[in-house]
Structure formats: C-alpha cells, structure tokens
Amino acid sequence: MTKTIALSTIAAAALAAAAFWFTAEPASAKNYEYCRIDRSAGPERICSFDTMEQCLASISGRGGSCTRDPFYETGSFAYAPKSTGRRHQ
C-alpha cells in the first residue's frame, strides 16, 4: 500500500513539473525610458524608470541626475502616408 502511495506521489509530482515546464514562458526584458545617473561610484546609468517623476523621486536626497535613455526604442515611428494617386475635385 505504501509503495502505491509513493509511486502515485512521484507520478503526480512529475506530471506537475511537466505541466509547469511546458506552460512557462521566457522572461522578457523591458525597455525603460528614463535613467538615473549616479556619479558617487563612477558614472553609472541605471535605466529602470517608466516616468521622469519616478526617476526624480529616486534621486531625491541622494543626488544624481535623470535623463532619457538614448537607446530606448518605442517600436513605433511617425510617418506620413504615401499619396496613392491624384486628388480629384
């Protein structure tokens, strides 16, 4: 009886591990738009802020400065649509 319980426990654990393994997604890095520049230990850029206000709050009382990340990519670009032909009046 205990052998059956042990085998069913192992089987359930293996099934749960397999379910987790096949449903887990890889972590994706997020691009943050604003960076804190800390000069206390050399010029260190820490880009982990969505807004300028978040960055300014993090340097409040500590020193440093905030700037936009020069490598930040939004993935969208402004464009003007192409003209598709003559304009009739």
PDB file of N, CA and C in Angstrom:
ATOM      1  N   MET A   1       0.816  -1.184   0.000  1.00  0.00           N
ATOM      2  CA  MET A   1       0.000   0.000   0.000  1.00  0.00           C
ATOM      3  C   MET A   1       0.867   1.258   0.000  1.00  0.00           C
ATOM      4  N   THR A   2       1.909   1.305   0.822  1.00  0.00           N
ATOM      5  CA  THR A   2       2.782   2.483   0.872  1.00  0.00           C
ATOM      6  C   THR A   2       3.575   2.643  -0.425  1.00  0.00           C
ATOM      7  N   LYS A   3       3.861   1.513  -1.072  1.00  0.00           N
ATOM      8  CA  LYS A   3       4.570   1.582  -2.345  1.00  0.00           C
ATOM      9  C   LYS A   3       3.679   2.242  -3.406  1.00  0.00           C
ATOM     10  N   THR A   4       2.401   1.946  -3.389  1.00  0.00           N
ATOM     11  CA  THR A   4       1.448   2.531  -4.326  1.00  0.00           C
ATOM     12  C   THR A   4       1.315   4.033  -4.081  1.00  0.00           C
ATOM     13  N   ILE A   5       1.268   4.432  -2.827  1.00  0.00           N
ATOM     14  CA  ILE A   5       1.159   5.854  -2.492  1.00  0.00           C
ATOM     15  C   ILE A   5       2.421   6.600  -2.932  1.00  0.00           C
ATOM     16  N   ALA A   6       3.580   6.007  -2.702  1.00  0.00           N
ATOM     17  CA  ALA A   6       4.842   6.629  -3.093  1.00  0.00           C
ATOM     18  C   ALA A   6       4.920   6.781  -4.611  1.00  0.00           C
ATOM     19  N   LEU A   7       4.529   5.742  -5.353  1.00  0.00           N
ATOM     20  CA  LEU A   7       4.571   5.815  -6.811  1.00  0.00           C
ATOM     21  C   LEU A   7       3.572   6.841  -7.346  1.00  0.00           C
ATOM     22  N   SER A   8       2.399   6.920  -6.748  1.00  0.00           N
ATOM     23  CA  SER A   8       1.409   7.897  -7.224  1.00  0.00           C
ATOM     24  C   SER A   8       1.846   9.319  -6.885  1.00  0.00           C
ATOM     25  N   THR A   9       2.536   9.501  -5.755  1.00  0.00           N
ATOM     26  CA  THR A   9       3.061  10.815  -5.398  1.00  0.00           C
ATOM     27  C   THR A   9       4.142  11.242  -6.382  1.00  0.00           C
ATOM     28  N   ILE A  10       5.015  10.324  -6.730  1.00  0.00           N
ATOM     29  CA  ILE A  10       6.073  10.623  -7.699  1.00  0.00           C
ATOM     30  C   ILE A  10       5.468  10.938  -9.065  1.00  0.00           C
ATOM     31  N   ALA A  11       4.480  10.177  -9.467  1.00  0.00           N
ATOM     32  CA  ALA A  11       3.829  10.402 -10.757  1.00  0.00           C
ATOM     33  C   ALA A  11       3.137  11.770 -10.777  1.00  0.00           C
ATOM     34  N   ALA A  12       2.475  12.134  -9.676  1.00  0.00           N
ATOM     35  CA  ALA A  12       1.802  13.431  -9.605  1.00  0.00           C
ATOM     36  C   ALA A  12       2.808  14.577  -9.651  1.00  0.00           C
ATOM     37  N   ALA A  13       3.930  14.416  -8.960  1.00  0.00           N
ATOM     38  CA  ALA A  13       4.971  15.443  -8.967  1.00  0.00           C
ATOM     39  C   ALA A  13       5.575  15.589 -10.366  1.00  0.00           C
ATOM     40  N   ALA A  14       5.805  14.478 -11.037  1.00  0.00           N
ATOM     41  CA  ALA A  14       6.347  14.519 -12.395  1.00  0.00           C
ATOM     42  C   ALA A  14       5.361  15.179 -13.355  1.00  0.00           C
ATOM     43  N   LEU A  15       4.087  14.881 -13.199  1.00  0.00           N
ATOM     44  CA  LEU A  15       3.060  15.486 -14.040  1.00  0.00           C
ATOM     45  C   LEU A  15       2.973  16.992 -13.810  1.00  0.00           C
ATOM     46  N   ALA A  16       3.048  17.421 -12.548  1.00  0.00           N
ATOM     47  CA  ALA A  16       3.014  18.848 -12.230  1.00  0.00           C
ATOM     48  C   ALA A  16       4.244  19.562 -12.789  1.00  0.00           C
ATOM     49  N   ALA A  17       5.412  18.936 -12.675  1.00  0.00           N
ATOM     50  CA  ALA A  17       6.641  19.531 -13.213  1.00  0.00           C
ATOM     51  C   ALA A  17       6.567  19.654 -14.731  1.00  0.00           C
ATOM     52  N   ALA A  18       6.043  18.627 -15.392  1.00  0.00           N
ATOM     53  CA  ALA A  18       5.911  18.669 -16.845  1.00  0.00           C
ATOM     54  C   ALA A  18       4.925  19.753 -17.270  1.00  0.00           C
ATOM     55  N   ALA A  19       3.833  19.899 -16.542  1.00  0.00           N
ATOM     56  CA  ALA A  19       2.853  20.927 -16.865  1.00  0.00           C
ATOM     57  C   ALA A  19       3.474  22.314 -16.713  1.00  0.00           C
ATOM     58  N   PHE A  20       4.243  22.517 -15.668  1.00  0.00           N
ATOM     59  CA  PHE A  20       4.918  23.797 -15.479  1.00  0.00           C
ATOM     60  C   PHE A  20       5.943  24.032 -16.576  1.00  0.00           C
ATOM     61  N   TRP A  21       6.700  23.041 -16.912  1.00  0.00           N
ATOM     62  CA  TRP A  21       7.776  23.163 -17.910  1.00  0.00           C
ATOM     63  C   TRP A  21       7.216  23.577 -19.270  1.00  0.00           C
ATOM     64  N   PHE A  22       6.106  22.989 -19.661  1.00  0.00           N
ATOM     65  CA  PHE A  22       5.573  23.261 -20.992  1.00  0.00           C
ATOM     66  C   PHE A  22       4.718  24.520 -21.054  1.00  0.00           C
ATOM     67  N   THR A  23       4.287  25.055 -19.917  1.00  0.00           N
ATOM     68  CA  THR A  23       3.479  26.275 -19.948  1.00  0.00           C
ATOM     69  C   THR A  23       4.271  27.517 -19.565  1.00  0.00           C
ATOM     70  N   ALA A  24       5.472  27.364 -19.062  1.00  0.00           N
ATOM     71  CA  ALA A  24       6.283  28.514 -18.658  1.00  0.00           C
ATOM     72  C   ALA A  24       6.784  29.254 -19.900  1.00  0.00           C
ATOM     73  N   GLU A  25       6.787  30.593 -19.812  1.00  0.00           N
ATOM     74  CA  GLU A  25       7.279  31.419 -20.901  1.00  0.00           C
ATOM     75  C   GLU A  25       8.574  32.084 -20.470  1.00  0.00           C
ATOM     76  N   PRO A  26       9.454  32.352 -21.422  1.00  0.00           N
ATOM     77  CA  PRO A  26      10.711  33.002 -21.052  1.00  0.00           C
ATOM     78  C   PRO A  26      10.473  34.433 -20.585  1.00  0.00           C
ATOM     79  N   ALA A  27      11.304  34.874 -19.681  1.00  0.00           N
ATOM     80  CA  ALA A  27      11.204  36.250 -19.193  1.00  0.00           C
ATOM     81  C   ALA A  27      11.661  37.195 -20.286  1.00  0.00           C
ATOM     82  N   SER A  28      11.014  38.316 -20.379  1.00  0.00           N
ATOM     83  CA  SER A  28      11.424  39.290 -21.388  1.00  0.00           C
ATOM     84  C   SER A  28      11.897  40.557 -20.693  1.00  0.00           C
ATOM     85  N   ALA A  29      12.951  41.110 -21.218  1.00  0.00           N
ATOM     86  CA  ALA A  29      13.483  42.338 -20.652  1.00  0.00           C
ATOM     87  C   ALA A  29      12.610  43.506 -21.088  1.00  0.00           C
ATOM     88  N   LYS A  30      12.416  44.423 -20.187  1.00  0.00           N
ATOM     89  CA  LYS A  30      11.589  45.586 -20.501  1.00  0.00           C
ATOM     90  C   LYS A  30      12.497  46.777 -20.744  1.00  0.00           C
ATOM     91  N   ASN A  31      12.170  47.536 -21.752  1.00  0.00           N
ATOM     92  CA  ASN A  31      12.900  48.771 -22.000  1.00  0.00           C
ATOM     93  C   ASN A  31      12.279  49.877 -21.167  1.00  0.00           C
ATOM     94  N   TYR A  32      13.106  50.589 -20.450  1.00  0.00           N
ATOM     95  CA  TYR A  32      12.645  51.719 -19.658  1.00  0.00           C
ATOM     96  C   TYR A  32      13.115  53.012 -20.318  1.00  0.00           C
ATOM     97  N   GLU A  33      12.294  54.030 -20.264  1.00  0.00           N
ATOM     98  CA  GLU A  33      12.572  55.253 -20.994  1.00  0.00           C
ATOM     99  C   GLU A  33      13.505  56.207 -20.257  1.00  0.00           C
ATOM    100  N   TYR A  34      13.538  56.142 -18.924  1.00  0.00           N
ATOM    101  CA  TYR A  34      14.319  57.115 -18.162  1.00  0.00           C
ATOM    102  C   TYR A  34      15.398  56.439 -17.322  1.00  0.00           C
ATOM    103  N   CYS A  35      16.516  57.149 -17.194  1.00  0.00           N
ATOM    104  CA  CYS A  35      17.680  56.606 -16.482  1.00  0.00           C
ATOM    105  C   CYS A  35      18.120  57.556 -15.375  1.00  0.00           C
ATOM    106  N   ARG A  36      18.618  56.952 -14.305  1.00  0.00           N
ATOM    107  CA  ARG A  36      19.247  57.713 -13.224  1.00  0.00           C
ATOM    108  C   ARG A  36      20.744  57.597 -13.419  1.00  0.00           C
ATOM    109  N   ILE A  37      21.431  58.714 -13.359  1.00  0.00           N
ATOM    110  CA  ILE A  37      22.886  58.700 -13.482  1.00  0.00           C
ATOM    111  C   ILE A  37      23.457  58.976 -12.108  1.00  0.00           C
ATOM    112  N   ASP A  38      24.176  58.007 -11.589  1.00  0.00           N
ATOM    113  CA  ASP A  38      24.762  58.079 -10.250  1.00  0.00           C
ATOM    114  C   ASP A  38      26.270  58.225 -10.411  1.00  0.00           C
ATOM    115  N   ARG A  39      26.806  59.295  -9.904  1.00  0.00           N
ATOM    116  CA  ARG A  39      28.241  59.546 -10.049  1.00  0.00           C
ATOM    117  C   ARG A  39      29.020  59.283  -8.762  1.00  0.00           C
ATOM    118  N   SER A  40      28.369  58.734  -7.744  1.00  0.00           N
ATOM    119  CA  SER A  40      29.061  58.506  -6.476  1.00  0.00           C
ATOM    120  C   SER A  40      30.096  57.389  -6.590  1.00  0.00           C
ATOM    121  N   ALA A  41      29.833  56.400  -7.403  1.00  0.00           N
ATOM    122  CA  ALA A  41      30.785  55.289  -7.590  1.00  0.00           C
ATOM    123  C   ALA A  41      31.211  55.217  -9.048  1.00  0.00           C
ATOM    124  N   GLY A  42      31.453  56.375  -9.655  1.00  0.00           N
ATOM    125  CA  GLY A  42      31.756  56.418 -11.077  1.00  0.00           C
ATOM    126  C   GLY A  42      30.465  56.622 -11.841  1.00  0.00           C
ATOM    127  N   PRO A  43      30.562  56.991 -13.117  1.00  0.00           N
ATOM    128  CA  PRO A  43      29.328  57.236 -13.875  1.00  0.00           C
ATOM    129  C   PRO A  43      28.566  55.942 -14.141  1.00  0.00           C
ATOM    130  N   GLU A  44      27.489  55.769 -13.438  1.00  0.00           N
ATOM    131  CA  GLU A  44      26.682  54.557 -13.575  1.00  0.00           C
ATOM    132  C   GLU A  44      25.285  54.956 -14.028  1.00  0.00           C
ATOM    133  N   ARG A  45      24.828  54.352 -15.125  1.00  0.00           N
ATOM    134  CA  ARG A  45      23.499  54.635 -15.673  1.00  0.00           C
ATOM    135  C   ARG A  45      22.581  53.481 -15.297  1.00  0.00           C
ATOM    136  N   ILE A  46      21.509  53.801 -14.589  1.00  0.00           N
ATOM    137  CA  ILE A  46      20.535  52.801 -14.166  1.00  0.00           C
ATOM    138  C   ILE A  46      19.210  53.147 -14.831  1.00  0.00           C
ATOM    139  N   CYS A  47      18.867  52.413 -15.868  1.00  0.00           N
ATOM    140  CA  CYS A  47      17.653  52.690 -16.638  1.00  0.00           C
ATOM    141  C   CYS A  47      16.553  51.741 -16.184  1.00  0.00           C
ATOM    142  N   SER A  48      15.756  52.188 -15.209  1.00  0.00           N
ATOM    143  CA  SER A  48      14.690  51.332 -14.700  1.00  0.00           C
ATOM    144  C   SER A  48      13.457  52.128 -14.304  1.00  0.00           C
ATOM    145  N   PHE A  49      13.183  53.191 -15.061  1.00  0.00           N
ATOM    146  CA  PHE A  49      12.056  54.058 -14.717  1.00  0.00           C
ATOM    147  C   PHE A  49      11.171  54.288 -15.939  1.00  0.00           C
ATOM    148  N   ASP A  50       9.859  54.203 -15.721  1.00  0.00           N
ATOM    149  CA  ASP A  50       8.898  54.456 -16.786  1.00  0.00           C
ATOM    150  C   ASP A  50       8.641  55.941 -16.982  1.00  0.00           C
ATOM    151  N   THR A  51       8.739  56.725 -15.908  1.00  0.00           N
ATOM    152  CA  THR A  51       8.452  58.156 -15.992  1.00  0.00           C
ATOM    153  C   THR A  51       9.598  58.952 -15.384  1.00  0.00           C
ATOM    154  N   MET A  52       9.675  60.206 -15.790  1.00  0.00           N
ATOM    155  CA  MET A  52      10.682  61.097 -15.229  1.00  0.00           C
ATOM    156  C   MET A  52      10.418  61.321 -13.742  1.00  0.00           C
ATOM    157  N   GLU A  53       9.145  61.347 -13.337  1.00  0.00           N
ATOM    158  CA  GLU A  53       8.807  61.551 -11.931  1.00  0.00           C
ATOM    159  C   GLU A  53       9.353  60.418 -11.060  1.00  0.00           C
ATOM    160  N   GLN A  54       9.286  59.185 -11.542  1.00  0.00           N
ATOM    161  CA  GLN A  54       9.841  58.053 -10.793  1.00  0.00           C
ATOM    162  C   GLN A  54      11.342  58.227 -10.608  1.00  0.00           C
ATOM    163  N   CYS A  55      12.014  58.632 -11.667  1.00  0.00           N
ATOM    164  CA  CYS A  55      13.459  58.823 -11.593  1.00  0.00           C
ATOM    165  C   CYS A  55      13.813  59.943 -10.625  1.00  0.00           C
ATOM    166  N   LEU A  56      13.101  61.058 -10.726  1.00  0.00           N
ATOM    167  CA  LEU A  56      13.378  62.187  -9.830  1.00  0.00           C
ATOM    168  C   LEU A  56      13.135  61.818  -8.377  1.00  0.00           C
ATOM    169  N   ALA A  57      12.121  61.008  -8.114  1.00  0.00           N
ATOM    170  CA  ALA A  57      11.856  60.571  -6.743  1.00  0.00           C
ATOM    171  C   ALA A  57      12.995  59.693  -6.228  1.00  0.00           C
ATOM    172  N   SER A  58      13.607  58.904  -7.102  1.00  0.00           N
ATOM    173  CA  SER A  58      14.680  58.017  -6.651  1.00  0.00           C
ATOM    174  C   SER A  58      15.959  58.771  -6.324  1.00  0.00           C
ATOM    175  N   ILE A  59      16.184  59.928  -6.950  1.00  0.00           N
ATOM    176  CA  ILE A  59      17.404  60.681  -6.650  1.00  0.00           C
ATOM    177  C   ILE A  59      17.189  61.733  -5.569  1.00  0.00           C
ATOM    178  N   SER A  60      15.956  61.894  -5.140  1.00  0.00           N
ATOM    179  CA  SER A  60      15.648  62.895  -4.129  1.00  0.00           C
ATOM    180  C   SER A  60      16.417  62.596  -2.840  1.00  0.00           C
ATOM    181  N   GLY A  61      17.254  63.529  -2.417  1.00  0.00           N
ATOM    182  CA  GLY A  61      18.037  63.374  -1.198  1.00  0.00           C
ATOM    183  C   GLY A  61      19.288  62.542  -1.368  1.00  0.00           C
ATOM    184  N   ARG A  62      19.492  61.953  -2.535  1.00  0.00           N
ATOM    185  CA  ARG A  62      20.657  61.095  -2.765  1.00  0.00           C
ATOM    186  C   ARG A  62      21.634  61.702  -3.749  1.00  0.00           C
ATOM    187  N   GLY A  63      21.138  62.587  -4.584  1.00  0.00           N
ATOM    188  CA  GLY A  63      21.985  63.162  -5.618  1.00  0.00           C
ATOM    189  C   GLY A  63      21.911  62.342  -6.899  1.00  0.00           C
ATOM    190  N   GLY A  64      22.535  62.855  -7.903  1.00  0.00           N
ATOM    191  CA  GLY A  64      22.486  62.215  -9.205  1.00  0.00           C
ATOM    192  C   GLY A  64      21.631  63.039 -10.145  1.00  0.00           C
ATOM    193  N   SER A  65      21.370  62.498 -11.300  1.00  0.00           N
ATOM    194  CA  SER A  65      20.536  63.198 -12.266  1.00  0.00           C
ATOM    195  C   SER A  65      19.721  62.194 -13.053  1.00  0.00           C
ATOM    196  N   CYS A  66      18.716  62.691 -13.757  1.00  0.00           N
ATOM    197  CA  CYS A  66      17.850  61.845 -14.566  1.00  0.00           C
ATOM    198  C   CYS A  66      17.907  62.298 -16.019  1.00  0.00           C
ATOM    199  N   THR A  67      17.814  61.346 -16.916  1.00  0.00           N
ATOM    200  CA  THR A  67      17.830  61.638 -18.341  1.00  0.00           C
ATOM    201  C   THR A  67      17.064  60.563 -19.088  1.00  0.00           C
ATOM    202  N   ARG A  68      16.714  60.839 -20.314  1.00  0.00           N
ATOM    203  CA  ARG A  68      16.094  59.807 -21.157  1.00  0.00           C
ATOM    204  C   ARG A  68      17.168  58.836 -21.606  1.00  0.00           C
ATOM    205  N   ASP A  69      16.787  57.593 -21.741  1.00  0.00           N
ATOM    206  CA  ASP A  69      17.702  56.561 -22.219  1.00  0.00           C
ATOM    207  C   ASP A  69      17.965  56.795 -23.704  1.00  0.00           C
ATOM    208  N   PRO A  70      19.227  57.019 -24.097  1.00  0.00           N
ATOM    209  CA  PRO A  70      19.498  57.269 -25.511  1.00  0.00           C
ATOM    210  C   PRO A  70      19.269  56.032 -26.387  1.00  0.00           C
ATOM    211  N   PHE A  71      19.178  54.871 -25.789  1.00  0.00           N
ATOM    212  CA  PHE A  71      18.984  53.642 -26.551  1.00  0.00           C
ATOM    213  C   PHE A  71      17.552  53.121 -26.475  1.00  0.00           C
ATOM    214  N   TYR A  72      16.668  53.917 -25.892  1.00  0.00           N
ATOM    215  CA  TYR A  72      15.268  53.497 -25.734  1.00  0.00           C
ATOM    216  C   TYR A  72      14.597  53.418 -27.100  1.00  0.00           C
ATOM    217  N   GLU A  73      13.919  52.305 -27.340  1.00  0.00           N
ATOM    218  CA  GLU A  73      13.217  52.111 -28.601  1.00  0.00           C
ATOM    219  C   GLU A  73      11.735  51.943 -28.316  1.00  0.00           C
ATOM    220  N   THR A  74      10.923  52.767 -28.937  1.00  0.00           N
ATOM    221  CA  THR A  74       9.487  52.668 -28.736  1.00  0.00           C
ATOM    222  C   THR A  74       8.871  51.640 -29.660  1.00  0.00           C
ATOM    223  N   GLY A  75       9.507  51.378 -30.780  1.00  0.00           N
ATOM    224  CA  GLY A  75       8.964  50.422 -31.724  1.00  0.00           C
ATOM    225  C   GLY A  75       7.984  51.040 -32.703  1.00  0.00           C
ATOM    226  N   SER A  76       7.690  52.318 -32.531  1.00  0.00           N
ATOM    227  CA  SER A  76       6.786  52.979 -33.473  1.00  0.00           C
ATOM    228  C   SER A  76       7.431  54.270 -33.947  1.00  0.00           C
ATOM    229  N   PHE A  77       7.181  54.586 -35.169  1.00  0.00           N
ATOM    230  CA  PHE A  77       7.761  55.771 -35.767  1.00  0.00           C
ATOM    231  C   PHE A  77       6.666  56.599 -36.420  1.00  0.00           C
ATOM    232  N   ALA A  78       6.817  57.892 -36.367  1.00  0.00           N
ATOM    233  CA  ALA A  78       5.858  58.762 -37.035  1.00  0.00           C
ATOM    234  C   ALA A  78       6.148  58.743 -38.525  1.00  0.00           C
ATOM    235  N   TYR A  79       5.123  58.768 -39.309  1.00  0.00           N
ATOM    236  CA  TYR A  79       5.307  58.791 -40.757  1.00  0.00           C
ATOM    237  C   TYR A  79       4.118  59.472 -41.408  1.00  0.00           C
ATOM    238  N   ALA A  80       4.349  59.912 -42.585  1.00  0.00           N
ATOM    239  CA  ALA A  80       3.272  60.483 -43.384  1.00  0.00           C
ATOM    240  C   ALA A  80       2.875  59.445 -44.416  1.00  0.00           C
ATOM    241  N   PRO A  81       1.595  59.161 -44.555  1.00  0.00           N
ATOM    242  CA  PRO A  81       1.191  58.162 -45.533  1.00  0.00           C
ATOM    243  C   PRO A  81       1.512  58.614 -46.951  1.00  0.00           C
ATOM    244  N   LYS A  82       1.846  57.654 -47.771  1.00  0.00           N
ATOM    245  CA  LYS A  82       2.159  57.948 -49.161  1.00  0.00           C
ATOM    246  C   LYS A  82       0.900  58.352 -49.911  1.00  0.00           C
ATOM    247  N   SER A  83       1.085  59.208 -50.868  1.00  0.00           N
ATOM    248  CA  SER A  83      -0.020  59.580 -51.734  1.00  0.00           C
ATOM    249  C   SER A  83      -0.293  58.409 -52.672  1.00  0.00           C
ATOM    250  N   THR A  84      -1.539  58.037 -52.820  1.00  0.00           N
ATOM    251  CA  THR A  84      -1.859  56.870 -53.645  1.00  0.00           C
ATOM    252  C   THR A  84      -2.354  57.240 -55.036  1.00  0.00           C
ATOM    253  N   GLY A  85      -2.371  58.480 -55.334  1.00  0.00           N
ATOM    254  CA  GLY A  85      -2.835  58.859 -56.663  1.00  0.00           C
ATOM    255  C   GLY A  85      -3.231  60.312 -56.723  1.00  0.00           C
ATOM    256  N   ARG A  86      -3.882  60.648 -57.803  1.00  0.00           N
ATOM    257  CA  ARG A  86      -4.312  62.029 -57.985  1.00  0.00           C
ATOM    258  C   ARG A  86      -5.468  62.371 -57.064  1.00  0.00           C
ATOM    259  N   ARG A  87      -5.503  63.587 -56.735  1.00  0.00           N
ATOM    260  CA  ARG A  87      -6.596  64.071 -55.909  1.00  0.00           C
ATOM    261  C   ARG A  87      -7.634  64.729 -56.825  1.00  0.00           C
ATOM    262  N   HIS A  88      -8.844  64.203 -56.834  1.00  0.00           N
ATOM    263  CA  HIS A  88      -9.890  64.738 -57.690  1.00  0.00           C
ATOM    264  C   HIS A  88     -10.757  65.733 -56.935  1.00  0.00           C
ATOM    265  N   GLN A  89     -11.186  66.760 -57.667  1.00  0.00           N
ATOM    266  CA  GLN A  89     -12.041  67.772 -57.034  1.00  0.00           C
ATOM    267  C   GLN A  89     -13.414  67.739 -57.584  1.00  0.00           C
TER     268      GLN A  89
END
